[in-house]
C-alpha cells in the first residue's frame, strides 16, 4: 500500500512542478491541474494514514459524484439532446 501512496504523491508532485513553472513564467496555473494536484495529494494522505483501507477514498468519490450531479441538475434543469444535424 505504501508503494501506491508514494506513486500517487509522485504524480501529484509532477502536477505541482508543472504549476510552479507556469506561475514562475507569470502565467496562470490551469485549474484542472490544480484540482488534480489537490485530489492526488489528499488521496495519497488518506491511503498512507489508513493502511489498506480504500473505503474512505471511494466514499468521498461517491459523495462528490452525487453532489456534482445535483449541482448540474440545479444549474441546468432542462437539459436536452443537441440536434447536430440542424446545426450543420
C-alpha atoms as a PDB file:
ATOM      1  CA  UNK A   1       0.000   0.000   0.000  1.00  0.00           C
ATOM      2  CA  UNK A   2       2.896   2.346   0.687  1.00  0.00           C
ATOM      3  CA  UNK A   3       4.044   1.951  -2.925  1.00  0.00           C
ATOM      4  CA  UNK A   4       0.637   3.064  -4.210  1.00  0.00           C
ATOM      5  CA  UNK A   5       0.567   6.071  -1.856  1.00  0.00           C
ATOM      6  CA  UNK A   6       4.078   7.087  -2.959  1.00  0.00           C
ATOM      7  CA  UNK A   7       3.073   6.715  -6.627  1.00  0.00           C
ATOM      8  CA  UNK A   8       0.016   8.913  -6.106  1.00  0.00           C
ATOM      9  CA  UNK A   9       2.155  11.504  -4.292  1.00  0.00           C
ATOM     10  CA  UNK A  10       4.667  11.424  -7.173  1.00  0.00           C
ATOM     11  CA  UNK A  11       2.006  12.048  -9.803  1.00  0.00           C
ATOM     12  CA  UNK A  12       0.620  14.896  -7.685  1.00  0.00           C
ATOM     13  CA  UNK A  13       4.144  16.308  -7.291  1.00  0.00           C
ATOM     14  CA  UNK A  14       4.603  16.357 -11.071  1.00  0.00           C
ATOM     15  CA  UNK A  15       1.420  18.394 -11.323  1.00  0.00           C
ATOM     16  CA  UNK A  16       2.793  20.737  -8.656  1.00  0.00           C
ATOM     17  CA  UNK A  17       6.037  21.184 -10.575  1.00  0.00           C
ATOM     18  CA  UNK A  18       4.099  21.954 -13.746  1.00  0.00           C
ATOM     19  CA  UNK A  19       2.013  24.549 -11.901  1.00  0.00           C
ATOM     20  CA  UNK A  20       5.146  26.087 -10.383  1.00  0.00           C
ATOM     21  CA  UNK A  21       6.751  26.502 -13.805  1.00  0.00           C
ATOM     22  CA  UNK A  22       3.606  28.193 -15.104  1.00  0.00           C
ATOM     23  CA  UNK A  23       3.410  30.577 -12.147  1.00  0.00           C
ATOM     24  CA  UNK A  24       7.122  31.458 -12.372  1.00  0.00           C
ATOM     25  CA  UNK A  25       6.575  32.399 -16.025  1.00  0.00           C
ATOM     26  CA  UNK A  26       3.832  34.815 -14.871  1.00  0.00           C
ATOM     27  CA  UNK A  27       1.050  32.621 -16.285  1.00  0.00           C
ATOM     28  CA  UNK A  28      -1.974  31.263 -14.513  1.00  0.00           C
ATOM     29  CA  UNK A  29      -1.869  27.636 -13.447  1.00  0.00           C
ATOM     30  CA  UNK A  30      -4.569  25.545 -15.161  1.00  0.00           C
ATOM     31  CA  UNK A  31      -7.476  24.915 -12.799  1.00  0.00           C
ATOM     32  CA  UNK A  32      -7.775  21.259 -13.831  1.00  0.00           C
ATOM     33  CA  UNK A  33      -4.151  20.575 -12.880  1.00  0.00           C
ATOM     34  CA  UNK A  34      -4.671  22.438  -9.598  1.00  0.00           C
ATOM     35  CA  UNK A  35      -7.679  20.289  -8.715  1.00  0.00           C
ATOM     36  CA  UNK A  36      -5.897  17.103  -9.743  1.00  0.00           C
ATOM     37  CA  UNK A  37      -2.860  18.080  -7.661  1.00  0.00           C
ATOM     38  CA  UNK A  38      -5.021  18.651  -4.585  1.00  0.00           C
ATOM     39  CA  UNK A  39      -7.053  15.471  -5.086  1.00  0.00           C
ATOM     40  CA  UNK A  40      -3.995  13.278  -5.569  1.00  0.00           C
ATOM     41  CA  UNK A  41      -2.304  14.754  -2.517  1.00  0.00           C
ATOM     42  CA  UNK A  42      -5.367  14.160  -0.358  1.00  0.00           C
ATOM     43  CA  UNK A  43      -5.796  10.622  -1.726  1.00  0.00           C
ATOM     44  CA  UNK A  44      -2.171   9.806  -1.013  1.00  0.00           C
ATOM     45  CA  UNK A  45      -2.505  11.071   2.549  1.00  0.00           C
ATOM     46  CA  UNK A  46      -5.659   9.051   3.158  1.00  0.00           C
ATOM     47  CA  UNK A  47      -4.102   5.866   1.763  1.00  0.00           C
ATOM     48  CA  UNK A  48      -0.942   6.361   3.771  1.00  0.00           C
ATOM     49  CA  UNK A  49      -2.759   7.014   7.030  1.00  0.00           C
ATOM     50  CA  UNK A  50      -5.346   4.221   6.694  1.00  0.00           C
ATOM     51  CA  UNK A  51      -3.111   1.411   5.518  1.00  0.00           C
ATOM     52  CA  UNK A  52      -5.040  -0.990   3.297  1.00  0.00           C
ATOM     53  CA  UNK A  53      -8.409   0.743   3.569  1.00  0.00           C
ATOM     54  CA  UNK A  54      -9.740   2.222   0.319  1.00  0.00           C
ATOM     55  CA  UNK A  55     -13.230   2.795   1.692  1.00  0.00           C
ATOM     56  CA  UNK A  56     -12.746   6.474   2.661  1.00  0.00           C
ATOM     57  CA  UNK A  57     -11.467   7.266  -0.844  1.00  0.00           C
ATOM     58  CA  UNK A  58     -14.413   5.525  -2.506  1.00  0.00           C
ATOM     59  CA  UNK A  59     -16.839   7.169  -0.080  1.00  0.00           C
ATOM     60  CA  UNK A  60     -15.549  10.669  -0.837  1.00  0.00           C
ATOM     61  CA  UNK A  61     -15.559   9.990  -4.597  1.00  0.00           C
ATOM     62  CA  UNK A  62     -19.119   8.685  -4.426  1.00  0.00           C
ATOM     63  CA  UNK A  63     -20.319  11.706  -2.464  1.00  0.00           C
ATOM     64  CA  UNK A  64     -18.532  14.059  -4.894  1.00  0.00           C
ATOM     65  CA  UNK A  65     -20.203  12.325  -7.864  1.00  0.00           C
ATOM     66  CA  UNK A  66     -23.691  12.620  -6.387  1.00  0.00           C
ATOM     67  CA  UNK A  67     -23.031  16.229  -5.363  1.00  0.00           C
ATOM     68  CA  UNK A  68     -21.795  17.140  -8.855  1.00  0.00           C
ATOM     69  CA  UNK A  69     -24.846  15.505 -10.417  1.00  0.00           C
ATOM     70  CA  UNK A  70     -27.095  17.506  -8.105  1.00  0.00           C
ATOM     71  CA  UNK A  71     -25.302  20.768  -8.940  1.00  0.00           C
ATOM     72  CA  UNK A  72     -25.679  20.099 -12.680  1.00  0.00           C
ATOM     73  CA  UNK A  73     -29.392  19.458 -12.194  1.00  0.00           C
ATOM     74  CA  UNK A  74     -29.787  22.674 -10.211  1.00  0.00           C
ATOM     75  CA  UNK A  75     -27.865  24.808 -12.704  1.00  0.00           C
ATOM     76  CA  UNK A  76     -29.409  23.339 -15.859  1.00  0.00           C
ATOM     77  CA  UNK A  77     -32.660  21.536 -15.001  1.00  0.00           C
ATOM     78  CA  UNK A  78     -33.931  21.223 -18.583  1.00  0.00           C
ATOM     79  CA  UNK A  79     -31.006  19.765 -20.494  1.00  0.00           C
ATOM     80  CA  UNK A  80     -31.971  18.407 -23.906  1.00  0.00           C
ATOM     81  CA  UNK A  81     -30.117  16.496 -26.575  1.00  0.00           C
ATOM     82  CA  UNK A  82     -28.364  18.692 -29.108  1.00  0.00           C
ATOM     83  CA  UNK A  83     -29.652  18.425 -32.670  1.00  0.00           C
ATOM     84  CA  UNK A  84     -26.342  18.153 -34.509  1.00  0.00           C
ATOM     85  CA  UNK A  85     -27.893  17.827 -37.997  1.00  0.00           C
ATOM     86  CA  UNK A  86     -29.734  21.135 -37.645  1.00  0.00           C
ATOM     87  CA  UNK A  87     -26.526  22.992 -36.803  1.00  0.00           C
ATOM     88  CA  UNK A  88     -24.543  21.616 -39.759  1.00  0.00           C
END
